[in-house]
Amino acid sequence: MWGRSRRKVKRMFHQIAADQEIQLLACETMFDHVHLLLRSNPEDLSRAVFMLKGISARRVFQTFPELKLDAKTQSLWQARYGAKMVSEQALPSLKDYIAT
């Protein structure tokens, strides 16, 4: 089930990013976390992450209600997130890292 779910969740992130005008450069889902590479200025980053996390959580639970039961939780994502600034030169290797 996770293989199909992963593809759907990735598509959700890309669609949400497009709808919210967020520049999502790379996305990879794992069983318990997601790596996202965004192009954003620091002032807009928290809003972008808030939108991606909030909208995706609602859509994931609507699409896969069994996840809510399995996890016994009301939240899909943790309240916090980690972020690092990277240079343009680092983008190709970071995209490769996220993909693999």
PDB file of N, CA and C in Angstrom:
ATOM      1  N   MET A   1       0.822  -1.201   0.000  1.00  0.00           N
ATOM      2  CA  MET A   1       0.000   0.000   0.000  1.00  0.00           C
ATOM      3  C   MET A   1       0.860   1.256   0.000  1.00  0.00           C
ATOM      4  N   TRP A   2       2.009   1.240   0.705  1.00  0.00           N
ATOM      5  CA  TRP A   2       2.796   2.457   0.837  1.00  0.00           C
ATOM      6  C   TRP A   2       3.282   2.973  -0.507  1.00  0.00           C
ATOM      7  N   GLY A   3       3.621   2.084  -1.466  1.00  0.00           N
ATOM      8  CA  GLY A   3       4.093   2.537  -2.777  1.00  0.00           C
ATOM      9  C   GLY A   3       3.071   3.399  -3.487  1.00  0.00           C
ATOM     10  N   ARG A   4       1.823   2.943  -3.530  1.00  0.00           N
ATOM     11  CA  ARG A   4       0.752   3.747  -4.147  1.00  0.00           C
ATOM     12  C   ARG A   4       0.517   5.023  -3.361  1.00  0.00           C
ATOM     13  N   SER A   5       0.521   4.906  -2.049  1.00  0.00           N
ATOM     14  CA  SER A   5       0.288   6.073  -1.187  1.00  0.00           C
ATOM     15  C   SER A   5       1.367   7.125  -1.402  1.00  0.00           C
ATOM     16  N   ARG A   6       2.620   6.680  -1.490  1.00  0.00           N
ATOM     17  CA  ARG A   6       3.738   7.618  -1.690  1.00  0.00           C
ATOM     18  C   ARG A   6       3.546   8.442  -2.953  1.00  0.00           C
ATOM     19  N   ARG A   7       3.187   7.768  -4.030  1.00  0.00           N
ATOM     20  CA  ARG A   7       2.991   8.490  -5.300  1.00  0.00           C
ATOM     21  C   ARG A   7       1.868   9.506  -5.179  1.00  0.00           C
ATOM     22  N   LYS A   8       0.776   9.118  -4.544  1.00  0.00           N
ATOM     23  CA  LYS A   8      -0.353  10.043  -4.379  1.00  0.00           C
ATOM     24  C   LYS A   8       0.023  11.226  -3.497  1.00  0.00           C
ATOM     25  N   VAL A   9       0.747  10.956  -2.414  1.00  0.00           N
ATOM     26  CA  VAL A   9       1.143  12.035  -1.505  1.00  0.00           C
ATOM     27  C   VAL A   9       2.087  12.996  -2.217  1.00  0.00           C
ATOM     28  N   LYS A  10       3.023  12.475  -2.991  1.00  0.00           N
ATOM     29  CA  LYS A  10       3.929  13.343  -3.752  1.00  0.00           C
ATOM     30  C   LYS A  10       3.148  14.214  -4.728  1.00  0.00           C
ATOM     31  N   ARG A  11       2.184  13.611  -5.415  1.00  0.00           N
ATOM     32  CA  ARG A  11       1.350  14.404  -6.337  1.00  0.00           C
ATOM     33  C   ARG A  11       0.581  15.481  -5.573  1.00  0.00           C
ATOM     34  N   MET A  12       0.101  15.140  -4.375  1.00  0.00           N
ATOM     35  CA  MET A  12      -0.612  16.125  -3.556  1.00  0.00           C
ATOM     36  C   MET A  12       0.299  17.316  -3.250  1.00  0.00           C
ATOM     37  N   PHE A  13       1.531  17.037  -2.827  1.00  0.00           N
ATOM     38  CA  PHE A  13       2.454  18.127  -2.514  1.00  0.00           C
ATOM     39  C   PHE A  13       2.691  19.013  -3.733  1.00  0.00           C
ATOM     40  N   HIS A  14       2.905  18.397  -4.878  1.00  0.00           N
ATOM     41  CA  HIS A  14       3.145  19.189  -6.087  1.00  0.00           C
ATOM     42  C   HIS A  14       1.914  20.010  -6.467  1.00  0.00           C
ATOM     43  N   GLN A  15       0.722  19.448  -6.308  1.00  0.00           N
ATOM     44  CA  GLN A  15      -0.497  20.182  -6.636  1.00  0.00           C
ATOM     45  C   GLN A  15      -0.725  21.330  -5.660  1.00  0.00           C
ATOM     46  N   ILE A  16      -0.524  21.068  -4.384  1.00  0.00           N
ATOM     47  CA  ILE A  16      -0.673  22.127  -3.373  1.00  0.00           C
ATOM     48  C   ILE A  16       0.314  23.255  -3.658  1.00  0.00           C
ATOM     49  N   ALA A  17       1.548  22.902  -3.945  1.00  0.00           N
ATOM     50  CA  ALA A  17       2.567  23.918  -4.238  1.00  0.00           C
ATOM     51  C   ALA A  17       2.149  24.758  -5.438  1.00  0.00           C
ATOM     52  N   ALA A  18       1.662  24.117  -6.486  1.00  0.00           N
ATOM     53  CA  ALA A  18       1.220  24.856  -7.670  1.00  0.00           C
ATOM     54  C   ALA A  18       0.043  25.775  -7.325  1.00  0.00           C
ATOM     55  N   ASP A  19      -0.925  25.249  -6.585  1.00  0.00           N
ATOM     56  CA  ASP A  19      -2.108  26.043  -6.215  1.00  0.00           C
ATOM     57  C   ASP A  19      -1.739  27.249  -5.349  1.00  0.00           C
ATOM     58  N   GLN A  20      -0.748  27.091  -4.480  1.00  0.00           N
ATOM     59  CA  GLN A  20      -0.363  28.145  -3.540  1.00  0.00           C
ATOM     60  C   GLN A  20       0.805  28.993  -4.039  1.00  0.00           C
ATOM     61  N   GLU A  21       1.237  28.746  -5.283  1.00  0.00           N
ATOM     62  CA  GLU A  21       2.359  29.462  -5.893  1.00  0.00           C
ATOM     63  C   GLU A  21       3.637  29.331  -5.059  1.00  0.00           C
ATOM     64  N   ILE A  22       3.881  28.088  -4.622  1.00  0.00           N
ATOM     65  CA  ILE A  22       5.097  27.742  -3.886  1.00  0.00           C
ATOM     66  C   ILE A  22       6.018  27.020  -4.859  1.00  0.00           C
ATOM     67  N   GLN A  23       7.267  27.415  -4.892  1.00  0.00           N
ATOM     68  CA  GLN A  23       8.221  26.781  -5.805  1.00  0.00           C
ATOM     69  C   GLN A  23       8.793  25.528  -5.150  1.00  0.00           C
ATOM     70  N   LEU A  24       8.185  24.382  -5.451  1.00  0.00           N
ATOM     71  CA  LEU A  24       8.633  23.094  -4.949  1.00  0.00           C
ATOM     72  C   LEU A  24       9.569  22.497  -5.987  1.00  0.00           C
ATOM     73  N   LEU A  25      10.860  22.441  -5.659  1.00  0.00           N
ATOM     74  CA  LEU A  25      11.868  21.976  -6.604  1.00  0.00           C
ATOM     75  C   LEU A  25      12.071  20.474  -6.546  1.00  0.00           C
ATOM     76  N   ALA A  26      11.853  19.881  -5.377  1.00  0.00           N
ATOM     77  CA  ALA A  26      12.007  18.435  -5.217  1.00  0.00           C
ATOM     78  C   ALA A  26      11.191  17.994  -4.014  1.00  0.00           C
ATOM     79  N   CYS A  27      10.721  16.755  -4.084  1.00  0.00           N
ATOM     80  CA  CYS A  27       9.903  16.209  -3.012  1.00  0.00           C
ATOM     81  C   CYS A  27      10.096  14.701  -2.986  1.00  0.00           C
ATOM     82  N   GLU A  28      10.309  14.160  -1.805  1.00  0.00           N
ATOM     83  CA  GLU A  28      10.364  12.710  -1.650  1.00  0.00           C
ATOM     84  C   GLU A  28       9.726  12.351  -0.322  1.00  0.00           C
ATOM     85  N   THR A  29       8.874  11.342  -0.363  1.00  0.00           N
ATOM     86  CA  THR A  29       8.173  10.910   0.836  1.00  0.00           C
ATOM     87  C   THR A  29       8.795   9.631   1.370  1.00  0.00           C
ATOM     88  N   MET A  30       8.938   9.576   2.672  1.00  0.00           N
ATOM     89  CA  MET A  30       9.361   8.370   3.358  1.00  0.00           C
ATOM     90  C   MET A  30       8.186   7.921   4.215  1.00  0.00           C
ATOM     91  N   PHE A  31       8.337   6.805   4.878  1.00  0.00           N
ATOM     92  CA  PHE A  31       7.243   6.299   5.706  1.00  0.00           C
ATOM     93  C   PHE A  31       6.883   7.270   6.827  1.00  0.00           C
ATOM     94  N   ASP A  32       7.899   7.932   7.380  1.00  0.00           N
ATOM     95  CA  ASP A  32       7.632   8.768   8.546  1.00  0.00           C
ATOM     96  C   ASP A  32       8.043  10.230   8.393  1.00  0.00           C
ATOM     97  N   HIS A  33       8.469  10.637   7.203  1.00  0.00           N
ATOM     98  CA  HIS A  33       8.801  12.046   6.994  1.00  0.00           C
ATOM     99  C   HIS A  33       8.861  12.359   5.499  1.00  0.00           C
ATOM    100  N   VAL A  34       9.016  13.624   5.211  1.00  0.00           N
ATOM    101  CA  VAL A  34       9.048  14.096   3.826  1.00  0.00           C
ATOM    102  C   VAL A  34      10.226  15.059   3.677  1.00  0.00           C
ATOM    103  N   HIS A  35      10.932  14.948   2.564  1.00  0.00           N
ATOM    104  CA  HIS A  35      11.961  15.935   2.229  1.00  0.00           C
ATOM    105  C   HIS A  35      11.392  16.841   1.142  1.00  0.00           C
ATOM    106  N   LEU A  36      11.470  18.128   1.363  1.00  0.00           N
ATOM    107  CA  LEU A  36      10.999  19.114   0.397  1.00  0.00           C
ATOM    108  C   LEU A  36      12.123  20.097   0.117  1.00  0.00           C
ATOM    109  N   LEU A  37      12.307  20.418  -1.136  1.00  0.00           N
ATOM    110  CA  LEU A  37      13.262  21.453  -1.521  1.00  0.00           C
ATOM    111  C   LEU A  37      12.445  22.587  -2.118  1.00  0.00           C
ATOM    112  N   LEU A  38      12.445  23.715  -1.431  1.00  0.00           N
ATOM    113  CA  LEU A  38      11.643  24.868  -1.842  1.00  0.00           C
ATOM    114  C   LEU A  38      12.553  26.018  -2.214  1.00  0.00           C
ATOM    115  N   ARG A  39      12.128  26.795  -3.183  1.00  0.00           N
ATOM    116  CA  ARG A  39      12.785  28.071  -3.462  1.00  0.00           C
ATOM    117  C   ARG A  39      11.903  29.137  -2.823  1.00  0.00           C
ATOM    118  N   SER A  40      12.465  29.821  -1.849  1.00  0.00           N
ATOM    119  CA  SER A  40      11.677  30.790  -1.098  1.00  0.00           C
ATOM    120  C   SER A  40      12.622  31.793  -0.451  1.00  0.00           C
ATOM    121  N   ASN A  41      12.127  33.003  -0.255  1.00  0.00           N
ATOM    122  CA  ASN A  41      12.911  33.916   0.563  1.00  0.00           C
ATOM    123  C   ASN A  41      12.573  33.609   2.028  1.00  0.00           C
ATOM    124  N   PRO A  42      13.474  33.918   2.943  1.00  0.00           N
ATOM    125  CA  PRO A  42      13.266  33.545   4.347  1.00  0.00           C
ATOM    126  C   PRO A  42      11.954  34.048   4.944  1.00  0.00           C
ATOM    127  N   GLU A  43      11.492  35.200   4.514  1.00  0.00           N
ATOM    128  CA  GLU A  43      10.251  35.755   5.067  1.00  0.00           C
ATOM    129  C   GLU A  43       9.031  34.925   4.692  1.00  0.00           C
ATOM    130  N   ASP A  44       9.066  34.239   3.566  1.00  0.00           N
ATOM    131  CA  ASP A  44       7.911  33.470   3.098  1.00  0.00           C
ATOM    132  C   ASP A  44       7.995  31.982   3.409  1.00  0.00           C
ATOM    133  N   LEU A  45       9.111  31.522   3.934  1.00  0.00           N
ATOM    134  CA  LEU A  45       9.305  30.091   4.134  1.00  0.00           C
ATOM    135  C   LEU A  45       8.307  29.491   5.122  1.00  0.00           C
ATOM    136  N   SER A  46       8.106  30.129   6.256  1.00  0.00           N
ATOM    137  CA  SER A  46       7.193  29.547   7.245  1.00  0.00           C
ATOM    138  C   SER A  46       5.773  29.449   6.700  1.00  0.00           C
ATOM    139  N   ARG A  47       5.338  30.431   5.924  1.00  0.00           N
ATOM    140  CA  ARG A  47       4.005  30.369   5.314  1.00  0.00           C
ATOM    141  C   ARG A  47       3.923  29.208   4.338  1.00  0.00           C
ATOM    142  N   ALA A  48       4.961  29.036   3.521  1.00  0.00           N
ATOM    143  CA  ALA A  48       4.972  27.949   2.543  1.00  0.00           C
ATOM    144  C   ALA A  48       4.896  26.586   3.231  1.00  0.00           C
ATOM    145  N   VAL A  49       5.693  26.407   4.266  1.00  0.00           N
ATOM    146  CA  VAL A  49       5.686  25.136   4.992  1.00  0.00           C
ATOM    147  C   VAL A  49       4.342  24.935   5.689  1.00  0.00           C
ATOM    148  N   PHE A  50       3.801  25.985   6.297  1.00  0.00           N
ATOM    149  CA  PHE A  50       2.490  25.920   6.949  1.00  0.00           C
ATOM    150  C   PHE A  50       1.422  25.474   5.951  1.00  0.00           C
ATOM    151  N   MET A  51       1.430  26.048   4.769  1.00  0.00           N
ATOM    152  CA  MET A  51       0.442  25.684   3.750  1.00  0.00           C
ATOM    153  C   MET A  51       0.630  24.239   3.294  1.00  0.00           C
ATOM    154  N   LEU A  52       1.853  23.855   2.996  1.00  0.00           N
ATOM    155  CA  LEU A  52       2.112  22.484   2.535  1.00  0.00           C
ATOM    156  C   LEU A  52       1.728  21.462   3.595  1.00  0.00           C
ATOM    157  N   LYS A  53       2.097  21.708   4.847  1.00  0.00           N
ATOM    158  CA  LYS A  53       1.785  20.764   5.915  1.00  0.00           C
ATOM    159  C   LYS A  53       0.284  20.719   6.204  1.00  0.00           C
ATOM    160  N   GLY A  54      -0.335  21.864   6.315  1.00  0.00           N
ATOM    161  CA  GLY A  54      -1.750  21.916   6.677  1.00  0.00           C
ATOM    162  C   GLY A  54      -2.655  21.315   5.622  1.00  0.00           C
ATOM    163  N   ILE A  55      -2.479  21.736   4.403  1.00  0.00           N
ATOM    164  CA  ILE A  55      -3.342  21.243   3.326  1.00  0.00           C
ATOM    165  C   ILE A  55      -3.065  19.773   3.059  1.00  0.00           C
ATOM    166  N   SER A  56      -1.790  19.370   3.057  1.00  0.00           N
ATOM    167  CA  SER A  56      -1.475  17.967   2.780  1.00  0.00           C
ATOM    168  C   SER A  56      -2.020  17.050   3.872  1.00  0.00           C
ATOM    169  N   ALA A  57      -1.940  17.462   5.127  1.00  0.00           N
ATOM    170  CA  ALA A  57      -2.459  16.622   6.219  1.00  0.00           C
ATOM    171  C   ALA A  57      -3.945  16.357   6.021  1.00  0.00           C
ATOM    172  N   ARG A  58      -4.686  17.392   5.729  1.00  0.00           N
ATOM    173  CA  ARG A  58      -6.134  17.232   5.522  1.00  0.00           C
ATOM    174  C   ARG A  58      -6.404  16.300   4.348  1.00  0.00           C
ATOM    175  N   ARG A  59      -5.695  16.500   3.241  1.00  0.00           N
ATOM    176  CA  ARG A  59      -5.919  15.671   2.052  1.00  0.00           C
ATOM    177  C   ARG A  59      -5.472  14.228   2.255  1.00  0.00           C
ATOM    178  N   VAL A  60      -4.346  14.040   2.942  1.00  0.00           N
ATOM    179  CA  VAL A  60      -3.866  12.671   3.189  1.00  0.00           C
ATOM    180  C   VAL A  60      -4.869  11.918   4.053  1.00  0.00           C
ATOM    181  N   PHE A  61      -5.346  12.534   5.127  1.00  0.00           N
ATOM    182  CA  PHE A  61      -6.312  11.861   5.995  1.00  0.00           C
ATOM    183  C   PHE A  61      -7.639  11.613   5.281  1.00  0.00           C
ATOM    184  N   GLN A  62      -8.023  12.508   4.374  1.00  0.00           N
ATOM    185  CA  GLN A  62      -9.244  12.274   3.604  1.00  0.00           C
ATOM    186  C   GLN A  62      -9.055  11.114   2.626  1.00  0.00           C
ATOM    187  N   THR A  63      -7.901  11.041   2.002  1.00  0.00           N
ATOM    188  CA  THR A  63      -7.622  10.006   1.008  1.00  0.00           C
ATOM    189  C   THR A  63      -7.321   8.664   1.652  1.00  0.00           C
ATOM    190  N   PHE A  64      -6.620   8.696   2.777  1.00  0.00           N
ATOM    191  CA  PHE A  64      -6.209   7.468   3.468  1.00  0.00           C
ATOM    192  C   PHE A  64      -6.662   7.516   4.927  1.00  0.00           C
ATOM    193  N   PRO A  65      -7.964   7.390   5.187  1.00  0.00           N
ATOM    194  CA  PRO A  65      -8.459   7.508   6.566  1.00  0.00           C
ATOM    195  C   PRO A  65      -7.876   6.453   7.502  1.00  0.00           C
ATOM    196  N   GLU A  66      -7.429   5.340   6.945  1.00  0.00           N
ATOM    197  CA  GLU A  66      -6.843   4.288   7.784  1.00  0.00           C
ATOM    198  C   GLU A  66      -5.541   4.748   8.455  1.00  0.00           C
ATOM    199  N   LEU A  67      -4.870   5.719   7.882  1.00  0.00           N
ATOM    200  CA  LEU A  67      -3.653   6.238   8.504  1.00  0.00           C
ATOM    201  C   LEU A  67      -3.954   6.868   9.859  1.00  0.00           C
ATOM    202  N   LYS A  68      -5.070   7.557   9.938  1.00  0.00           N
ATOM    203  CA  LYS A  68      -5.451   8.204  11.191  1.00  0.00           C
ATOM    204  C   LYS A  68      -5.721   7.155  12.263  1.00  0.00           C
ATOM    205  N   LEU A  69      -6.357   6.079  11.868  1.00  0.00           N
ATOM    206  CA  LEU A  69      -6.647   5.006  12.815  1.00  0.00           C
ATOM    207  C   LEU A  69      -5.369   4.286  13.230  1.00  0.00           C
ATOM    208  N   ASP A  70      -4.493   3.998  12.260  1.00  0.00           N
ATOM    209  CA  ASP A  70      -3.243   3.303  12.561  1.00  0.00           C
ATOM    210  C   ASP A  70      -2.349   4.135  13.475  1.00  0.00           C
ATOM    211  N   ALA A  71      -2.274   5.424  13.207  1.00  0.00           N
ATOM    212  CA  ALA A  71      -1.378   6.297  13.979  1.00  0.00           C
ATOM    213  C   ALA A  71      -1.989   6.731  15.314  1.00  0.00           C
ATOM    214  N   LYS A  72      -3.308   6.574  15.448  1.00  0.00           N
ATOM    215  CA  LYS A  72      -4.019   7.013  16.662  1.00  0.00           C
ATOM    216  C   LYS A  72      -3.669   8.466  16.996  1.00  0.00           C
ATOM    217  N   THR A  73      -3.776   9.318  15.995  1.00  0.00           N
ATOM    218  CA  THR A  73      -3.406  10.717  16.175  1.00  0.00           C
ATOM    219  C   THR A  73      -4.369  11.618  15.409  1.00  0.00           C
ATOM    220  N   GLN A  74      -4.390  12.862  15.785  1.00  0.00           N
ATOM    221  CA  GLN A  74      -5.166  13.866  15.070  1.00  0.00           C
ATOM    222  C   GLN A  74      -4.282  14.689  14.147  1.00  0.00           C
ATOM    223  N   SER A  75      -2.959  14.494  14.239  1.00  0.00           N
ATOM    224  CA  SER A  75      -2.011  15.276  13.446  1.00  0.00           C
ATOM    225  C   SER A  75      -1.159  14.358  12.595  1.00  0.00           C
ATOM    226  N   LEU A  76      -0.962  14.730  11.361  1.00  0.00           N
ATOM    227  CA  LEU A  76      -0.099  13.947  10.481  1.00  0.00           C
ATOM    228  C   LEU A  76       1.348  14.371  10.639  1.00  0.00           C
ATOM    229  N   TRP A  77       1.583  15.675  10.722  1.00  0.00           N
ATOM    230  CA  TRP A  77       2.947  16.203  10.788  1.00  0.00           C
ATOM    231  C   TRP A  77       3.244  16.749  12.170  1.00  0.00           C
ATOM    232  N   GLN A  78       4.524  16.785  12.530  1.00  0.00           N
ATOM    233  CA  GLN A  78       4.937  17.436  13.763  1.00  0.00           C
ATOM    234  C   GLN A  78       4.703  18.938  13.643  1.00  0.00           C
ATOM    235  N   ALA A  79       4.658  19.601  14.775  1.00  0.00           N
ATOM    236  CA  ALA A  79       4.415  21.052  14.776  1.00  0.00           C
ATOM    237  C   ALA A  79       5.586  21.826  14.177  1.00  0.00           C
ATOM    238  N   ARG A  80       6.800  21.294  14.308  1.00  0.00           N
ATOM    239  CA  ARG A  80       7.980  22.022  13.838  1.00  0.00           C
ATOM    240  C   ARG A  80       8.486  21.449  12.516  1.00  0.00           C
ATOM    241  N   TYR A  81       9.479  22.121  11.959  1.00  0.00           N
ATOM    242  CA  TYR A  81      10.145  21.642  10.754  1.00  0.00           C
ATOM    243  C   TYR A  81      11.588  22.131  10.783  1.00  0.00           C
ATOM    244  N   GLY A  82      12.427  21.465  10.035  1.00  0.00           N
ATOM    245  CA  GLY A  82      13.815  21.886   9.911  1.00  0.00           C
ATOM    246  C   GLY A  82      14.029  22.501   8.544  1.00  0.00           C
ATOM    247  N   ALA A  83      14.843  23.527   8.493  1.00  0.00           N
ATOM    248  CA  ALA A  83      15.111  24.202   7.223  1.00  0.00           C
ATOM    249  C   ALA A  83      16.564  24.644   7.182  1.00  0.00           C
ATOM    250  N   LYS A  84      17.144  24.575   5.995  1.00  0.00           N
ATOM    251  CA  LYS A  84      18.502  25.049   5.776  1.00  0.00           C
ATOM    252  C   LYS A  84      18.546  25.812   4.468  1.00  0.00           C
ATOM    253  N   MET A  85      19.305  26.885   4.444  1.00  0.00           N
ATOM    254  CA  MET A  85      19.531  27.633   3.216  1.00  0.00           C
ATOM    255  C   MET A  85      20.624  26.920   2.427  1.00  0.00           C
ATOM    256  N   VAL A  86      20.450  26.837   1.112  1.00  0.00           N
ATOM    257  CA  VAL A  86      21.472  26.223   0.258  1.00  0.00           C
ATOM    258  C   VAL A  86      21.743  27.139  -0.928  1.00  0.00           C
ATOM    259  N   SER A  87      22.933  27.026  -1.453  1.00  0.00           N
ATOM    260  CA  SER A  87      23.320  27.853  -2.598  1.00  0.00           C
ATOM    261  C   SER A  87      22.758  27.257  -3.882  1.00  0.00           C
ATOM    262  N   GLU A  88      22.687  28.088  -4.915  1.00  0.00           N
ATOM    263  CA  GLU A  88      22.250  27.614  -6.229  1.00  0.00           C
ATOM    264  C   GLU A  88      23.143  26.479  -6.730  1.00  0.00           C
ATOM    265  N   GLN A  89      24.440  26.569  -6.425  1.00  0.00           N
ATOM    266  CA  GLN A  89      25.383  25.551  -6.883  1.00  0.00           C
ATOM    267  C   GLN A  89      25.106  24.201  -6.224  1.00  0.00           C
ATOM    268  N   ALA A  90      24.535  24.199  -5.031  1.00  0.00           N
ATOM    269  CA  ALA A  90      24.262  22.957  -4.307  1.00  0.00           C
ATOM    270  C   ALA A  90      22.958  22.286  -4.743  1.00  0.00           C
ATOM    271  N   LEU A  91      22.121  22.986  -5.507  1.00  0.00           N
ATOM    272  CA  LEU A  91      20.807  22.441  -5.860  1.00  0.00           C
ATOM    273  C   LEU A  91      20.872  21.102  -6.596  1.00  0.00           C
ATOM    274  N   PRO A  92      21.711  20.932  -7.617  1.00  0.00           N
ATOM    275  CA  PRO A  92      21.719  19.633  -8.314  1.00  0.00           C
ATOM    276  C   PRO A  92      22.043  18.450  -7.390  1.00  0.00           C
ATOM    277  N   SER A  93      23.035  18.600  -6.536  1.00  0.00           N
ATOM    278  CA  SER A  93      23.381  17.483  -5.654  1.00  0.00           C
ATOM    279  C   SER A  93      22.311  17.276  -4.582  1.00  0.00           C
ATOM    280  N   LEU A  94      21.675  18.340  -4.139  1.00  0.00           N
ATOM    281  CA  LEU A  94      20.607  18.211  -3.154  1.00  0.00           C
ATOM    282  C   LEU A  94      19.374  17.545  -3.764  1.00  0.00           C
ATOM    283  N   LYS A  95      19.051  17.905  -5.000  1.00  0.00           N
ATOM    284  CA  LYS A  95      17.938  17.237  -5.686  1.00  0.00           C
ATOM    285  C   LYS A  95      18.213  15.742  -5.823  1.00  0.00           C
ATOM    286  N   ASP A  96      19.452  15.397  -6.151  1.00  0.00           N
ATOM    287  CA  ASP A  96      19.841  13.989  -6.277  1.00  0.00           C
ATOM    288  C   ASP A  96      19.722  13.290  -4.929  1.00  0.00           C
ATOM    289  N   TYR A  97      20.171  13.924  -3.874  1.00  0.00           N
ATOM    290  CA  TYR A  97      20.068  13.363  -2.523  1.00  0.00           C
ATOM    291  C   TYR A  97      18.601  13.097  -2.177  1.00  0.00           C
ATOM    292  N   ILE A  98      17.742  14.050  -2.420  1.00  0.00           N
ATOM    293  CA  ILE A  98      16.321  13.896  -2.093  1.00  0.00           C
ATOM    294  C   ILE A  98      15.704  12.763  -2.905  1.00  0.00           C
ATOM    295  N   ALA A  99      16.057  12.668  -4.166  1.00  0.00           N
ATOM    296  CA  ALA A  99      15.495  11.621  -5.030  1.00  0.00           C
ATOM    297  C   ALA A  99      15.926  10.221  -4.625  1.00  0.00           C
ATOM    298  N   THR A 100      17.099  10.126  -4.010  1.00  0.00           N
ATOM    299  CA  THR A 100      17.589   8.785  -3.651  1.00  0.00           C
ATOM    300  C   THR A 100      17.531   8.566  -2.160  1.00  0.00           C
TER     301      THR A 100
END
